[in-house]
Amino acid sequence: MEAIASAFEVSVTYFLSNPSEDLDRVQRQRDYVEMLATTETHLSGVDLASLCPDTIDVMIDLLKMVRAQALSERSARTTGGHRSA
């Protein structure tokens, strides 16, 4: 088994796992990493597997807006500027 795995440049566990479960897990991890990278935050306690990709995209966009607003307000405070409502 190790020789076959080596020939195909995959792990031995590749032959012992369920590919669809692995792909689902990798996609959930990729979605989470993208959300973390783009928003510099994390959603502990949120089951991303229960969310459709469109919902995850909306959450990412919302978190980006919240982050941009927070950075804008922080910049205004440090430069002495005032934000209009």
PDB file of N, CA and C in Angstrom:
ATOM      1  N   MET A   1       0.834  -1.185   0.000  1.00  0.00           N
ATOM      2  CA  MET A   1       0.000   0.000   0.000  1.00  0.00           C
ATOM      3  C   MET A   1       0.883   1.255   0.000  1.00  0.00           C
ATOM      4  N   GLU A   2       1.965   1.244   0.793  1.00  0.00           N
ATOM      5  CA  GLU A   2       2.858   2.400   0.839  1.00  0.00           C
ATOM      6  C   GLU A   2       3.508   2.665  -0.522  1.00  0.00           C
ATOM      7  N   ALA A   3       3.872   1.597  -1.231  1.00  0.00           N
ATOM      8  CA  ALA A   3       4.502   1.760  -2.547  1.00  0.00           C
ATOM      9  C   ALA A   3       3.513   2.381  -3.543  1.00  0.00           C
ATOM     10  N   ILE A   4       2.268   1.941  -3.486  1.00  0.00           N
ATOM     11  CA  ILE A   4       1.250   2.496  -4.383  1.00  0.00           C
ATOM     12  C   ILE A   4       1.014   3.967  -4.057  1.00  0.00           C
ATOM     13  N   ALA A   5       0.890   4.259  -2.764  1.00  0.00           N
ATOM     14  CA  ALA A   5       0.683   5.646  -2.339  1.00  0.00           C
ATOM     15  C   ALA A   5       1.855   6.513  -2.778  1.00  0.00           C
ATOM     16  N   SER A   6       3.052   6.008  -2.625  1.00  0.00           N
ATOM     17  CA  SER A   6       4.243   6.747  -3.023  1.00  0.00           C
ATOM     18  C   SER A   6       4.252   6.986  -4.535  1.00  0.00           C
ATOM     19  N   ALA A   7       3.866   5.987  -5.297  1.00  0.00           N
ATOM     20  CA  ALA A   7       3.846   6.119  -6.757  1.00  0.00           C
ATOM     21  C   ALA A   7       2.868   7.200  -7.206  1.00  0.00           C
ATOM     22  N   PHE A   8       1.748   7.309  -6.503  1.00  0.00           N
ATOM     23  CA  PHE A   8       0.742   8.318  -6.845  1.00  0.00           C
ATOM     24  C   PHE A   8       0.926   9.628  -6.072  1.00  0.00           C
ATOM     25  N   GLU A   9       1.975   9.659  -5.242  1.00  0.00           N
ATOM     26  CA  GLU A   9       2.288  10.833  -4.431  1.00  0.00           C
ATOM     27  C   GLU A   9       1.101  11.272  -3.571  1.00  0.00           C
ATOM     28  N   VAL A  10       0.501  10.282  -2.901  1.00  0.00           N
ATOM     29  CA  VAL A  10      -0.579  10.536  -1.962  1.00  0.00           C
ATOM     30  C   VAL A  10      -0.265   9.807  -0.665  1.00  0.00           C
ATOM     31  N   SER A  11      -0.988  10.170   0.366  1.00  0.00           N
ATOM     32  CA  SER A  11      -0.838   9.499   1.654  1.00  0.00           C
ATOM     33  C   SER A  11      -1.548   8.142   1.612  1.00  0.00           C
ATOM     34  N   VAL A  12      -1.077   7.227   2.409  1.00  0.00           N
ATOM     35  CA  VAL A  12      -1.738   5.920   2.513  1.00  0.00           C
ATOM     36  C   VAL A  12      -3.189   6.098   2.953  1.00  0.00           C
ATOM     37  N   THR A  13      -3.448   7.094   3.775  1.00  0.00           N
ATOM     38  CA  THR A  13      -4.820   7.323   4.242  1.00  0.00           C
ATOM     39  C   THR A  13      -5.759   7.702   3.105  1.00  0.00           C
ATOM     40  N   TYR A  14      -5.209   8.123   1.980  1.00  0.00           N
ATOM     41  CA  TYR A  14      -6.022   8.449   0.811  1.00  0.00           C
ATOM     42  C   TYR A  14      -6.860   7.240   0.392  1.00  0.00           C
ATOM     43  N   PHE A  15      -6.277   6.055   0.499  1.00  0.00           N
ATOM     44  CA  PHE A  15      -6.964   4.839   0.088  1.00  0.00           C
ATOM     45  C   PHE A  15      -7.925   4.314   1.161  1.00  0.00           C
ATOM     46  N   LEU A  16      -7.811   4.830   2.358  1.00  0.00           N
ATOM     47  CA  LEU A  16      -8.627   4.332   3.466  1.00  0.00           C
ATOM     48  C   LEU A  16      -9.752   5.271   3.863  1.00  0.00           C
ATOM     49  N   SER A  17      -9.815   6.423   3.264  1.00  0.00           N
ATOM     50  CA  SER A  17     -10.795   7.421   3.684  1.00  0.00           C
ATOM     51  C   SER A  17     -11.961   7.496   2.699  1.00  0.00           C
ATOM     52  N   ASN A  18     -12.987   8.220   3.117  1.00  0.00           N
ATOM     53  CA  ASN A  18     -14.155   8.457   2.280  1.00  0.00           C
ATOM     54  C   ASN A  18     -13.946   9.780   1.552  1.00  0.00           C
ATOM     55  N   PRO A  19     -13.730   9.747   0.246  1.00  0.00           N
ATOM     56  CA  PRO A  19     -13.406  10.979  -0.492  1.00  0.00           C
ATOM     57  C   PRO A  19     -14.456  12.082  -0.356  1.00  0.00           C
ATOM     58  N   SER A  20     -15.731  11.734  -0.362  1.00  0.00           N
ATOM     59  CA  SER A  20     -16.745  12.793  -0.284  1.00  0.00           C
ATOM     60  C   SER A  20     -16.716  13.467   1.080  1.00  0.00           C
ATOM     61  N   GLU A  21     -16.488  12.708   2.144  1.00  0.00           N
ATOM     62  CA  GLU A  21     -16.361  13.313   3.475  1.00  0.00           C
ATOM     63  C   GLU A  21     -15.135  14.196   3.543  1.00  0.00           C
ATOM     64  N   ASP A  22     -14.043  13.737   2.949  1.00  0.00           N
ATOM     65  CA  ASP A  22     -12.817  14.520   2.948  1.00  0.00           C
ATOM     66  C   ASP A  22     -12.999  15.823   2.175  1.00  0.00           C
ATOM     67  N   LEU A  23     -13.653  15.766   1.031  1.00  0.00           N
ATOM     68  CA  LEU A  23     -13.880  16.971   0.236  1.00  0.00           C
ATOM     69  C   LEU A  23     -14.769  17.961   0.982  1.00  0.00           C
ATOM     70  N   ASP A  24     -15.801  17.456   1.654  1.00  0.00           N
ATOM     71  CA  ASP A  24     -16.672  18.327   2.445  1.00  0.00           C
ATOM     72  C   ASP A  24     -15.888  18.998   3.567  1.00  0.00           C
ATOM     73  N   ARG A  25     -15.058  18.225   4.257  1.00  0.00           N
ATOM     74  CA  ARG A  25     -14.262  18.764   5.359  1.00  0.00           C
ATOM     75  C   ARG A  25     -13.275  19.809   4.858  1.00  0.00           C
ATOM     76  N   VAL A  26     -12.629  19.529   3.753  1.00  0.00           N
ATOM     77  CA  VAL A  26     -11.666  20.473   3.184  1.00  0.00           C
ATOM     78  C   VAL A  26     -12.376  21.754   2.747  1.00  0.00           C
ATOM     79  N   GLN A  27     -13.561  21.634   2.139  1.00  0.00           N
ATOM     80  CA  GLN A  27     -14.299  22.820   1.711  1.00  0.00           C
ATOM     81  C   GLN A  27     -14.702  23.660   2.919  1.00  0.00           C
ATOM     82  N   ARG A  28     -15.152  23.031   3.992  1.00  0.00           N
ATOM     83  CA  ARG A  28     -15.513  23.779   5.201  1.00  0.00           C
ATOM     84  C   ARG A  28     -14.295  24.486   5.770  1.00  0.00           C
ATOM     85  N   GLN A  29     -13.158  23.803   5.777  1.00  0.00           N
ATOM     86  CA  GLN A  29     -11.931  24.421   6.275  1.00  0.00           C
ATOM     87  C   GLN A  29     -11.513  25.584   5.369  1.00  0.00           C
ATOM     88  N   ARG A  30     -11.636  25.418   4.070  1.00  0.00           N
ATOM     89  CA  ARG A  30     -11.275  26.475   3.125  1.00  0.00           C
ATOM     90  C   ARG A  30     -12.182  27.694   3.319  1.00  0.00           C
ATOM     91  N   ASP A  31     -13.479  27.452   3.497  1.00  0.00           N
ATOM     92  CA  ASP A  31     -14.414  28.553   3.735  1.00  0.00           C
ATOM     93  C   ASP A  31     -14.049  29.304   5.013  1.00  0.00           C
ATOM     94  N   TYR A  32     -13.722  28.546   6.059  1.00  0.00           N
ATOM     95  CA  TYR A  32     -13.386  29.171   7.334  1.00  0.00           C
ATOM     96  C   TYR A  32     -12.094  29.978   7.217  1.00  0.00           C
ATOM     97  N   VAL A  33     -11.096  29.403   6.564  1.00  0.00           N
ATOM     98  CA  VAL A  33      -9.815  30.100   6.401  1.00  0.00           C
ATOM     99  C   VAL A  33     -10.011  31.371   5.579  1.00  0.00           C
ATOM    100  N   GLU A  34     -10.847  31.303   4.531  1.00  0.00           N
ATOM    101  CA  GLU A  34     -11.112  32.497   3.737  1.00  0.00           C
ATOM    102  C   GLU A  34     -11.787  33.569   4.590  1.00  0.00           C
ATOM    103  N   MET A  35     -12.748  33.153   5.407  1.00  0.00           N
ATOM    104  CA  MET A  35     -13.440  34.099   6.269  1.00  0.00           C
ATOM    105  C   MET A  35     -12.461  34.715   7.269  1.00  0.00           C
ATOM    106  N   LEU A  36     -11.613  33.901   7.846  1.00  0.00           N
ATOM    107  CA  LEU A  36     -10.622  34.387   8.799  1.00  0.00           C
ATOM    108  C   LEU A  36      -9.658  35.363   8.138  1.00  0.00           C
ATOM    109  N   ALA A  37      -9.190  35.023   6.953  1.00  0.00           N
ATOM    110  CA  ALA A  37      -8.210  35.871   6.265  1.00  0.00           C
ATOM    111  C   ALA A  37      -8.810  37.194   5.822  1.00  0.00           C
ATOM    112  N   THR A  38     -10.033  37.178   5.350  1.00  0.00           N
ATOM    113  CA  THR A  38     -10.602  38.406   4.811  1.00  0.00           C
ATOM    114  C   THR A  38     -11.178  39.311   5.881  1.00  0.00           C
ATOM    115  N   THR A  39     -11.538  38.757   7.002  1.00  0.00           N
ATOM    116  CA  THR A  39     -12.174  39.575   8.036  1.00  0.00           C
ATOM    117  C   THR A  39     -11.303  39.751   9.271  1.00  0.00           C
ATOM    118  N   GLU A  40     -10.219  38.978   9.355  1.00  0.00           N
ATOM    119  CA  GLU A  40      -9.352  38.967  10.531  1.00  0.00           C
ATOM    120  C   GLU A  40     -10.157  38.709  11.797  1.00  0.00           C
ATOM    121  N   THR A  41     -11.094  37.809  11.705  1.00  0.00           N
ATOM    122  CA  THR A  41     -11.907  37.401  12.844  1.00  0.00           C
ATOM    123  C   THR A  41     -12.243  35.927  12.681  1.00  0.00           C
ATOM    124  N   HIS A  42     -12.879  35.364  13.661  1.00  0.00           N
ATOM    125  CA  HIS A  42     -13.316  33.981  13.536  1.00  0.00           C
ATOM    126  C   HIS A  42     -14.685  33.844  14.176  1.00  0.00           C
ATOM    127  N   LEU A  43     -15.357  32.791  13.806  1.00  0.00           N
ATOM    128  CA  LEU A  43     -16.701  32.557  14.306  1.00  0.00           C
ATOM    129  C   LEU A  43     -16.712  31.270  15.119  1.00  0.00           C
ATOM    130  N   SER A  44     -16.168  31.322  16.298  1.00  0.00           N
ATOM    131  CA  SER A  44     -16.182  30.132  17.127  1.00  0.00           C
ATOM    132  C   SER A  44     -17.619  29.810  17.487  1.00  0.00           C
ATOM    133  N   GLY A  45     -17.930  28.559  17.458  1.00  0.00           N
ATOM    134  CA  GLY A  45     -19.276  28.119  17.794  1.00  0.00           C
ATOM    135  C   GLY A  45     -20.224  28.100  16.613  1.00  0.00           C
ATOM    136  N   VAL A  46     -19.792  28.579  15.440  1.00  0.00           N
ATOM    137  CA  VAL A  46     -20.650  28.542  14.265  1.00  0.00           C
ATOM    138  C   VAL A  46     -20.328  27.276  13.486  1.00  0.00           C
ATOM    139  N   ASP A  47     -21.343  26.498  13.204  1.00  0.00           N
ATOM    140  CA  ASP A  47     -21.175  25.275  12.426  1.00  0.00           C
ATOM    141  C   ASP A  47     -21.258  25.626  10.949  1.00  0.00           C
ATOM    142  N   LEU A  48     -20.113  25.853  10.332  1.00  0.00           N
ATOM    143  CA  LEU A  48     -20.097  26.252   8.935  1.00  0.00           C
ATOM    144  C   LEU A  48     -20.659  25.172   8.025  1.00  0.00           C
ATOM    145  N   ALA A  49     -20.614  23.930   8.470  1.00  0.00           N
ATOM    146  CA  ALA A  49     -21.150  22.848   7.651  1.00  0.00           C
ATOM    147  C   ALA A  49     -22.650  22.988   7.466  1.00  0.00           C
ATOM    148  N   SER A  50     -23.318  23.658   8.394  1.00  0.00           N
ATOM    149  CA  SER A  50     -24.767  23.808   8.293  1.00  0.00           C
ATOM    150  C   SER A  50     -25.167  25.003   7.440  1.00  0.00           C
ATOM    151  N   LEU A  51     -24.188  25.791   6.994  1.00  0.00           N
ATOM    152  CA  LEU A  51     -24.477  26.978   6.190  1.00  0.00           C
ATOM    153  C   LEU A  51     -24.201  26.713   4.718  1.00  0.00           C
ATOM    154  N   CYS A  52     -25.062  27.239   3.867  1.00  0.00           N
ATOM    155  CA  CYS A  52     -24.812  27.094   2.433  1.00  0.00           C
ATOM    156  C   CYS A  52     -23.713  28.082   2.029  1.00  0.00           C
ATOM    157  N   PRO A  53     -23.021  27.823   0.928  1.00  0.00           N
ATOM    158  CA  PRO A  53     -21.937  28.714   0.497  1.00  0.00           C
ATOM    159  C   PRO A  53     -22.388  30.159   0.313  1.00  0.00           C
ATOM    160  N   ASP A  54     -23.607  30.380  -0.172  1.00  0.00           N
ATOM    161  CA  ASP A  54     -24.090  31.750  -0.347  1.00  0.00           C
ATOM    162  C   ASP A  54     -24.195  32.473   0.989  1.00  0.00           C
ATOM    163  N   THR A  55     -24.645  31.770   2.017  1.00  0.00           N
ATOM    164  CA  THR A  55     -24.748  32.375   3.349  1.00  0.00           C
ATOM    165  C   THR A  55     -23.364  32.708   3.886  1.00  0.00           C
ATOM    166  N   ILE A  56     -22.418  31.831   3.662  1.00  0.00           N
ATOM    167  CA  ILE A  56     -21.048  32.083   4.108  1.00  0.00           C
ATOM    168  C   ILE A  56     -20.498  33.318   3.390  1.00  0.00           C
ATOM    169  N   ASP A  57     -20.770  33.438   2.087  1.00  0.00           N
ATOM    170  CA  ASP A  57     -20.315  34.615   1.339  1.00  0.00           C
ATOM    171  C   ASP A  57     -20.916  35.894   1.900  1.00  0.00           C
ATOM    172  N   VAL A  58     -22.204  35.861   2.247  1.00  0.00           N
ATOM    173  CA  VAL A  58     -22.858  37.040   2.822  1.00  0.00           C
ATOM    174  C   VAL A  58     -22.225  37.375   4.166  1.00  0.00           C
ATOM    175  N   MET A  59     -21.938  36.351   4.980  1.00  0.00           N
ATOM    176  CA  MET A  59     -21.305  36.592   6.283  1.00  0.00           C
ATOM    177  C   MET A  59     -19.925  37.217   6.098  1.00  0.00           C
ATOM    178  N   ILE A  60     -19.172  36.737   5.122  1.00  0.00           N
ATOM    179  CA  ILE A  60     -17.849  37.294   4.858  1.00  0.00           C
ATOM    180  C   ILE A  60     -17.971  38.755   4.461  1.00  0.00           C
ATOM    181  N   ASP A  61     -18.903  39.052   3.550  1.00  0.00           N
ATOM    182  CA  ASP A  61     -19.095  40.444   3.121  1.00  0.00           C
ATOM    183  C   ASP A  61     -19.505  41.335   4.286  1.00  0.00           C
ATOM    184  N   LEU A  62     -20.390  40.854   5.140  1.00  0.00           N
ATOM    185  CA  LEU A  62     -20.826  41.619   6.303  1.00  0.00           C
ATOM    186  C   LEU A  62     -19.662  41.878   7.247  1.00  0.00           C
ATOM    187  N   LEU A  63     -18.866  40.863   7.508  1.00  0.00           N
ATOM    188  CA  LEU A  63     -17.722  41.035   8.397  1.00  0.00           C
ATOM    189  C   LEU A  63     -16.687  41.986   7.798  1.00  0.00           C
ATOM    190  N   LYS A  64     -16.531  41.960   6.481  1.00  0.00           N
ATOM    191  CA  LYS A  64     -15.627  42.914   5.821  1.00  0.00           C
ATOM    192  C   LYS A  64     -16.108  44.345   6.054  1.00  0.00           C
ATOM    193  N   MET A  65     -17.429  44.561   5.930  1.00  0.00           N
ATOM    194  CA  MET A  65     -17.972  45.905   6.140  1.00  0.00           C
ATOM    195  C   MET A  65     -17.789  46.349   7.586  1.00  0.00           C
ATOM    196  N   VAL A  66     -18.042  45.453   8.524  1.00  0.00           N
ATOM    197  CA  VAL A  66     -17.871  45.787   9.940  1.00  0.00           C
ATOM    198  C   VAL A  66     -16.416  46.120  10.221  1.00  0.00           C
ATOM    199  N   ARG A  67     -15.505  45.329   9.663  1.00  0.00           N
ATOM    200  CA  ARG A  67     -14.076  45.575   9.862  1.00  0.00           C
ATOM    201  C   ARG A  67     -13.673  46.913   9.252  1.00  0.00           C
ATOM    202  N   ALA A  68     -14.143  47.207   8.040  1.00  0.00           N
ATOM    203  CA  ALA A  68     -13.806  48.474   7.394  1.00  0.00           C
ATOM    204  C   ALA A  68     -14.322  49.653   8.209  1.00  0.00           C
ATOM    205  N   GLN A  69     -15.516  49.529   8.750  1.00  0.00           N
ATOM    206  CA  GLN A  69     -16.080  50.599   9.573  1.00  0.00           C
ATOM    207  C   GLN A  69     -15.255  50.785  10.842  1.00  0.00           C
ATOM    208  N   ALA A  70     -14.872  49.685  11.467  1.00  0.00           N
ATOM    209  CA  ALA A  70     -14.064  49.777  12.687  1.00  0.00           C
ATOM    210  C   ALA A  70     -12.717  50.419  12.398  1.00  0.00           C
ATOM    211  N   LEU A  71     -12.093  50.050  11.285  1.00  0.00           N
ATOM    212  CA  LEU A  71     -10.806  50.646  10.921  1.00  0.00           C
ATOM    213  C   LEU A  71     -10.966  52.132  10.619  1.00  0.00           C
ATOM    214  N   SER A  72     -12.043  52.501   9.973  1.00  0.00           N
ATOM    215  CA  SER A  72     -12.306  53.897   9.662  1.00  0.00           C
ATOM    216  C   SER A  72     -12.490  54.713  10.937  1.00  0.00           C
ATOM    217  N   GLU A  73     -13.263  54.170  11.862  1.00  0.00           N
ATOM    218  CA  GLU A  73     -13.482  54.866  13.132  1.00  0.00           C
ATOM    219  C   GLU A  73     -12.193  54.959  13.931  1.00  0.00           C
ATOM    220  N   ARG A  74     -11.402  53.910  13.932  1.00  0.00           N
ATOM    221  CA  ARG A  74     -10.125  53.925  14.648  1.00  0.00           C
ATOM    222  C   ARG A  74      -9.193  54.959  14.027  1.00  0.00           C
ATOM    223  N   SER A  75      -9.171  55.031  12.701  1.00  0.00           N
ATOM    224  CA  SER A  75      -8.329  56.005  12.014  1.00  0.00           C
ATOM    225  C   SER A  75      -8.780  57.426  12.326  1.00  0.00           C
ATOM    226  N   ALA A  76     -10.097  57.638  12.354  1.00  0.00           N
ATOM    227  CA  ALA A  76     -10.628  58.981  12.660  1.00  0.00           C
ATOM    228  C   ALA A  76     -10.243  59.397  14.073  1.00  0.00           C
ATOM    229  N   ARG A  77     -10.270  58.475  15.023  1.00  0.00           N
ATOM    230  CA  ARG A  77      -9.903  58.790  16.408  1.00  0.00           C
ATOM    231  C   ARG A  77      -8.431  59.127  16.529  1.00  0.00           C
ATOM    232  N   THR A  78      -7.595  58.393  15.810  1.00  0.00           N
ATOM    233  CA  THR A  78      -6.148  58.614  15.944  1.00  0.00           C
ATOM    234  C   THR A  78      -5.696  59.856  15.206  1.00  0.00           C
ATOM    235  N   THR A  79      -6.438  60.266  14.175  1.00  0.00           N
ATOM    236  CA  THR A  79      -6.048  61.474  13.432  1.00  0.00           C
ATOM    237  C   THR A  79      -6.805  62.703  13.887  1.00  0.00           C
ATOM    238  N   GLY A  80      -7.719  62.531  14.828  1.00  0.00           N
ATOM    239  CA  GLY A  80      -8.469  63.651  15.352  1.00  0.00           C
ATOM    240  C   GLY A  80      -9.653  64.031  14.505  1.00  0.00           C
ATOM    241  N   GLY A  81      -9.928  63.265  13.460  1.00  0.00           N
ATOM    242  CA  GLY A  81     -11.057  63.556  12.591  1.00  0.00           C
ATOM    243  C   GLY A  81     -12.356  63.109  13.232  1.00  0.00           C
ATOM    244  N   HIS A  82     -13.438  63.586  12.710  1.00  0.00           N
ATOM    245  CA  HIS A  82     -14.751  63.210  13.216  1.00  0.00           C
ATOM    246  C   HIS A  82     -15.529  62.558  12.099  1.00  0.00           C
ATOM    247  N   ARG A  83     -16.235  61.543  12.454  1.00  0.00           N
ATOM    248  CA  ARG A  83     -17.062  60.830  11.498  1.00  0.00           C
ATOM    249  C   ARG A  83     -18.459  61.385  11.542  1.00  0.00           C
ATOM    250  N   SER A  84     -19.003  61.709  10.394  1.00  0.00           N
ATOM    251  CA  SER A  84     -20.378  62.230  10.379  1.00  0.00           C
ATOM    252  C   SER A  84     -21.353  61.077  10.313  1.00  0.00           C
ATOM    253  N   ALA A  85     -22.514  61.271  10.935  1.00  0.00           N
ATOM    254  CA  ALA A  85     -23.513  60.208  10.967  1.00  0.00           C
ATOM    255  C   ALA A  85     -24.376  60.244   9.755  1.00  0.00           C
TER     256      ALA A  85
END
